Amino acid sequence: MRKALMWLPLLLIGLSPATWAVTPEAWKHTAYAYDARQTELATALADFAKEFGMALDMPPIPGVLDDRIRAQSPEEFLDRLGQEYHFQW
């Protein structure tokens, strides 16, 4: 009985729904570039969301972009910003 109770939390985690971001199939075949000149991170993310027809729902994160950012895909763009500014999308 004791061993069965030890496995219960792992079983419940395995049964819970995943919360990973699923990107559209078209993103895999689309490069993305953003030209930022002293642009707030929140503004850049809002521009990205608007361009792809998404809503942005996140607290403000401090940061200023000042470069042309090129990525092989929109997903890579978000990954790079997420690593640099410490957020998950």
N, C-alpha and C. Protein backbone atom coordinates (compact mmCIF):
# COMPACT_ATOMS: atom_id res chain seq x y z
N MET A 1 0.83 -1.19 0.00
CA MET A 1 0.00 0.00 0.00
C MET A 1 0.87 1.25 0.00
N ARG A 2 1.92 1.20 0.79
CA ARG A 2 2.80 2.36 0.91
C ARG A 2 3.48 2.67 -0.43
N LYS A 3 3.92 1.63 -1.15
CA LYS A 3 4.55 1.82 -2.45
C LYS A 3 3.56 2.39 -3.46
N ALA A 4 2.34 1.95 -3.38
CA ALA A 4 1.32 2.46 -4.30
C ALA A 4 1.09 3.95 -4.08
N LEU A 5 1.10 4.39 -2.84
CA LEU A 5 0.91 5.81 -2.54
C LEU A 5 2.10 6.65 -2.99
N MET A 6 3.28 6.05 -3.03
CA MET A 6 4.46 6.78 -3.50
C MET A 6 4.33 7.13 -4.99
N TRP A 7 3.70 6.27 -5.75
CA TRP A 7 3.57 6.49 -7.19
C TRP A 7 2.38 7.37 -7.56
N LEU A 8 1.49 7.63 -6.63
CA LEU A 8 0.29 8.41 -6.91
C LEU A 8 0.60 9.81 -7.45
N PRO A 9 1.51 10.59 -6.83
CA PRO A 9 1.80 11.92 -7.38
C PRO A 9 2.32 11.88 -8.82
N LEU A 10 3.17 10.92 -9.13
CA LEU A 10 3.68 10.81 -10.50
C LEU A 10 2.58 10.44 -11.48
N LEU A 11 1.68 9.59 -11.06
CA LEU A 11 0.56 9.22 -11.90
C LEU A 11 -0.33 10.43 -12.18
N LEU A 12 -0.60 11.21 -11.15
CA LEU A 12 -1.44 12.40 -11.33
C LEU A 12 -0.79 13.42 -12.24
N ILE A 13 0.52 13.59 -12.12
CA ILE A 13 1.23 14.52 -13.00
C ILE A 13 1.13 14.03 -14.44
N GLY A 14 1.28 12.75 -14.64
CA GLY A 14 1.21 12.17 -15.98
C GLY A 14 -0.17 12.31 -16.61
N LEU A 15 -1.20 12.36 -15.80
CA LEU A 15 -2.57 12.47 -16.30
C LEU A 15 -3.01 13.91 -16.50
N SER A 16 -2.28 14.86 -15.93
CA SER A 16 -2.69 16.26 -16.05
C SER A 16 -2.41 16.76 -17.47
N PRO A 17 -3.22 17.71 -17.95
CA PRO A 17 -3.02 18.21 -19.31
C PRO A 17 -1.72 19.00 -19.42
N ALA A 18 -1.07 18.88 -20.56
CA ALA A 18 0.18 19.60 -20.80
C ALA A 18 -0.10 21.08 -21.06
N THR A 19 0.84 21.92 -20.71
CA THR A 19 0.67 23.36 -20.92
C THR A 19 1.80 23.90 -21.78
N TRP A 20 2.14 23.20 -22.84
CA TRP A 20 3.18 23.67 -23.74
C TRP A 20 2.55 24.53 -24.82
N ALA A 21 3.34 25.46 -25.31
CA ALA A 21 2.87 26.29 -26.41
C ALA A 21 2.90 25.46 -27.70
N VAL A 22 1.86 25.57 -28.46
CA VAL A 22 1.80 24.89 -29.75
C VAL A 22 1.80 25.97 -30.82
N THR A 23 2.81 25.94 -31.66
CA THR A 23 2.91 26.96 -32.69
C THR A 23 2.21 26.51 -33.96
N PRO A 24 1.69 27.46 -34.73
CA PRO A 24 1.05 27.10 -36.00
C PRO A 24 2.05 26.46 -36.96
N GLU A 25 1.56 25.58 -37.78
CA GLU A 25 2.40 24.88 -38.76
C GLU A 25 3.11 25.86 -39.69
N ALA A 26 2.45 26.95 -40.07
CA ALA A 26 3.04 27.93 -40.98
C ALA A 26 4.30 28.58 -40.40
N TRP A 27 4.40 28.64 -39.08
CA TRP A 27 5.58 29.25 -38.45
C TRP A 27 6.85 28.49 -38.77
N LYS A 28 6.75 27.21 -39.06
CA LYS A 28 7.94 26.41 -39.33
C LYS A 28 8.58 26.76 -40.66
N HIS A 29 7.85 27.46 -41.52
CA HIS A 29 8.34 27.77 -42.86
C HIS A 29 8.41 29.28 -43.10
N THR A 30 8.43 30.07 -42.03
CA THR A 30 8.40 31.51 -42.14
C THR A 30 9.53 32.12 -41.32
N ALA A 31 10.40 32.88 -41.97
CA ALA A 31 11.42 33.61 -41.22
C ALA A 31 10.77 34.86 -40.62
N TYR A 32 11.40 35.42 -39.60
CA TYR A 32 10.85 36.61 -38.96
C TYR A 32 11.99 37.57 -38.62
N ALA A 33 11.77 38.85 -38.88
CA ALA A 33 12.74 39.88 -38.53
C ALA A 33 12.01 41.06 -37.90
N TYR A 34 12.66 41.68 -36.94
CA TYR A 34 12.08 42.85 -36.26
C TYR A 34 13.16 43.91 -36.15
N ASP A 35 12.87 45.11 -36.63
CA ASP A 35 13.81 46.22 -36.58
C ASP A 35 13.46 47.10 -35.39
N ALA A 36 14.28 47.02 -34.35
CA ALA A 36 14.00 47.74 -33.10
C ALA A 36 15.02 48.86 -32.92
N ARG A 37 14.51 50.04 -32.63
CA ARG A 37 15.37 51.19 -32.33
C ARG A 37 14.91 51.78 -31.01
N GLN A 38 15.60 51.38 -29.95
CA GLN A 38 15.23 51.81 -28.60
C GLN A 38 13.74 51.50 -28.34
N THR A 39 13.35 50.28 -28.68
CA THR A 39 11.97 49.83 -28.54
C THR A 39 11.83 49.03 -27.25
N GLU A 40 10.82 49.38 -26.46
CA GLU A 40 10.54 48.62 -25.24
C GLU A 40 10.20 47.17 -25.61
N LEU A 41 10.62 46.25 -24.78
CA LEU A 41 10.34 44.84 -25.02
C LEU A 41 8.83 44.60 -25.13
N ALA A 42 8.06 45.23 -24.27
CA ALA A 42 6.60 45.06 -24.30
C ALA A 42 6.03 45.51 -25.64
N THR A 43 6.57 46.59 -26.20
CA THR A 43 6.11 47.08 -27.50
C THR A 43 6.46 46.09 -28.61
N ALA A 44 7.68 45.55 -28.57
CA ALA A 44 8.10 44.58 -29.58
C ALA A 44 7.22 43.33 -29.52
N LEU A 45 6.91 42.86 -28.32
CA LEU A 45 6.06 41.67 -28.19
C LEU A 45 4.63 41.97 -28.63
N ALA A 46 4.14 43.18 -28.33
CA ALA A 46 2.80 43.57 -28.77
C ALA A 46 2.75 43.65 -30.30
N ASP A 47 3.80 44.19 -30.91
CA ASP A 47 3.87 44.25 -32.38
C ASP A 47 3.86 42.84 -32.98
N PHE A 48 4.63 41.95 -32.37
CA PHE A 48 4.69 40.56 -32.83
C PHE A 48 3.30 39.93 -32.75
N ALA A 49 2.65 40.08 -31.61
CA ALA A 49 1.32 39.49 -31.42
C ALA A 49 0.32 40.04 -32.44
N LYS A 50 0.37 41.35 -32.64
CA LYS A 50 -0.56 41.99 -33.58
C LYS A 50 -0.32 41.47 -35.01
N GLU A 51 0.95 41.33 -35.38
CA GLU A 51 1.28 40.88 -36.72
C GLU A 51 0.77 39.47 -37.00
N PHE A 52 0.72 38.63 -35.96
CA PHE A 52 0.26 37.26 -36.14
C PHE A 52 -1.18 37.05 -35.67
N GLY A 53 -1.89 38.14 -35.37
CA GLY A 53 -3.30 38.04 -35.00
C GLY A 53 -3.54 37.38 -33.66
N MET A 54 -2.63 37.63 -32.71
CA MET A 54 -2.77 37.03 -31.38
C MET A 54 -2.97 38.13 -30.34
N ALA A 55 -3.46 37.74 -29.19
CA ALA A 55 -3.58 38.65 -28.06
C ALA A 55 -2.37 38.44 -27.15
N LEU A 56 -1.86 39.52 -26.59
CA LEU A 56 -0.73 39.45 -25.67
C LEU A 56 -1.25 39.65 -24.26
N ASP A 57 -0.98 38.69 -23.39
CA ASP A 57 -1.44 38.75 -22.01
C ASP A 57 -0.28 38.41 -21.10
N MET A 58 0.46 39.44 -20.68
CA MET A 58 1.60 39.22 -19.81
C MET A 58 1.91 40.50 -19.06
N PRO A 59 2.49 40.36 -17.88
CA PRO A 59 2.89 41.57 -17.15
C PRO A 59 4.08 42.22 -17.86
N PRO A 60 4.26 43.52 -17.66
CA PRO A 60 5.39 44.19 -18.30
C PRO A 60 6.73 43.62 -17.84
N ILE A 61 7.63 43.44 -18.77
CA ILE A 61 8.98 42.98 -18.48
C ILE A 61 9.93 44.09 -18.91
N PRO A 62 10.80 44.53 -18.02
CA PRO A 62 11.72 45.60 -18.41
C PRO A 62 12.71 45.13 -19.47
N GLY A 63 13.00 46.00 -20.40
CA GLY A 63 13.97 45.68 -21.43
C GLY A 63 13.78 46.59 -22.62
N VAL A 64 14.89 46.90 -23.28
CA VAL A 64 14.87 47.75 -24.47
C VAL A 64 15.64 47.04 -25.58
N LEU A 65 15.01 46.94 -26.74
CA LEU A 65 15.65 46.33 -27.90
C LEU A 65 16.22 47.43 -28.79
N ASP A 66 17.41 47.22 -29.29
CA ASP A 66 18.03 48.21 -30.17
C ASP A 66 18.88 47.49 -31.21
N ASP A 67 18.21 46.78 -32.11
CA ASP A 67 18.93 46.01 -33.10
C ASP A 67 17.93 45.44 -34.09
N ARG A 68 18.42 44.96 -35.20
CA ARG A 68 17.57 44.22 -36.13
C ARG A 68 17.70 42.76 -35.74
N ILE A 69 16.61 42.18 -35.32
CA ILE A 69 16.62 40.80 -34.84
C ILE A 69 16.06 39.92 -35.96
N ARG A 70 16.87 38.97 -36.38
CA ARG A 70 16.45 38.04 -37.43
C ARG A 70 16.41 36.64 -36.84
N ALA A 71 15.39 35.89 -37.25
CA ALA A 71 15.24 34.52 -36.76
C ALA A 71 14.73 33.65 -37.91
N GLN A 72 15.06 32.37 -37.85
CA GLN A 72 14.61 31.43 -38.87
C GLN A 72 13.10 31.21 -38.82
N SER A 73 12.50 31.50 -37.66
CA SER A 73 11.05 31.32 -37.51
C SER A 73 10.55 32.24 -36.40
N PRO A 74 9.25 32.51 -36.36
CA PRO A 74 8.70 33.28 -35.26
C PRO A 74 8.95 32.61 -33.90
N GLU A 75 8.91 31.29 -33.88
CA GLU A 75 9.18 30.55 -32.64
C GLU A 75 10.60 30.83 -32.14
N GLU A 76 11.57 30.82 -33.06
CA GLU A 76 12.96 31.11 -32.69
C GLU A 76 13.09 32.54 -32.17
N PHE A 77 12.36 33.47 -32.78
CA PHE A 77 12.37 34.86 -32.32
C PHE A 77 11.93 34.94 -30.87
N LEU A 78 10.81 34.30 -30.55
CA LEU A 78 10.31 34.32 -29.17
C LEU A 78 11.27 33.59 -28.22
N ASP A 79 11.84 32.49 -28.68
CA ASP A 79 12.80 31.76 -27.85
C ASP A 79 14.01 32.63 -27.51
N ARG A 80 14.53 33.34 -28.50
CA ARG A 80 15.70 34.20 -28.27
C ARG A 80 15.39 35.31 -27.29
N LEU A 81 14.25 35.97 -27.49
CA LEU A 81 13.87 37.03 -26.55
C LEU A 81 13.62 36.46 -25.16
N GLY A 82 12.98 35.30 -25.11
CA GLY A 82 12.71 34.66 -23.82
C GLY A 82 13.98 34.34 -23.06
N GLN A 83 15.00 33.86 -23.76
CA GLN A 83 16.27 33.56 -23.11
C GLN A 83 16.96 34.83 -22.62
N GLU A 84 16.93 35.86 -23.45
CA GLU A 84 17.63 37.09 -23.09
C GLU A 84 16.94 37.86 -21.97
N TYR A 85 15.60 37.86 -21.98
CA TYR A 85 14.85 38.66 -21.01
C TYR A 85 14.14 37.80 -19.96
N HIS A 86 14.43 36.52 -19.94
CA HIS A 86 13.98 35.61 -18.88
C HIS A 86 12.45 35.52 -18.76
N PHE A 87 11.81 35.14 -19.85
CA PHE A 87 10.38 34.85 -19.79
C PHE A 87 10.10 33.59 -20.60
N GLN A 88 9.00 32.95 -20.28
CA GLN A 88 8.54 31.78 -21.04
C GLN A 88 7.27 32.16 -21.76
N TRP A 89 7.14 31.65 -22.94
CA TRP A 89 5.92 31.96 -23.69
C TRP A 89 5.14 30.69 -23.95
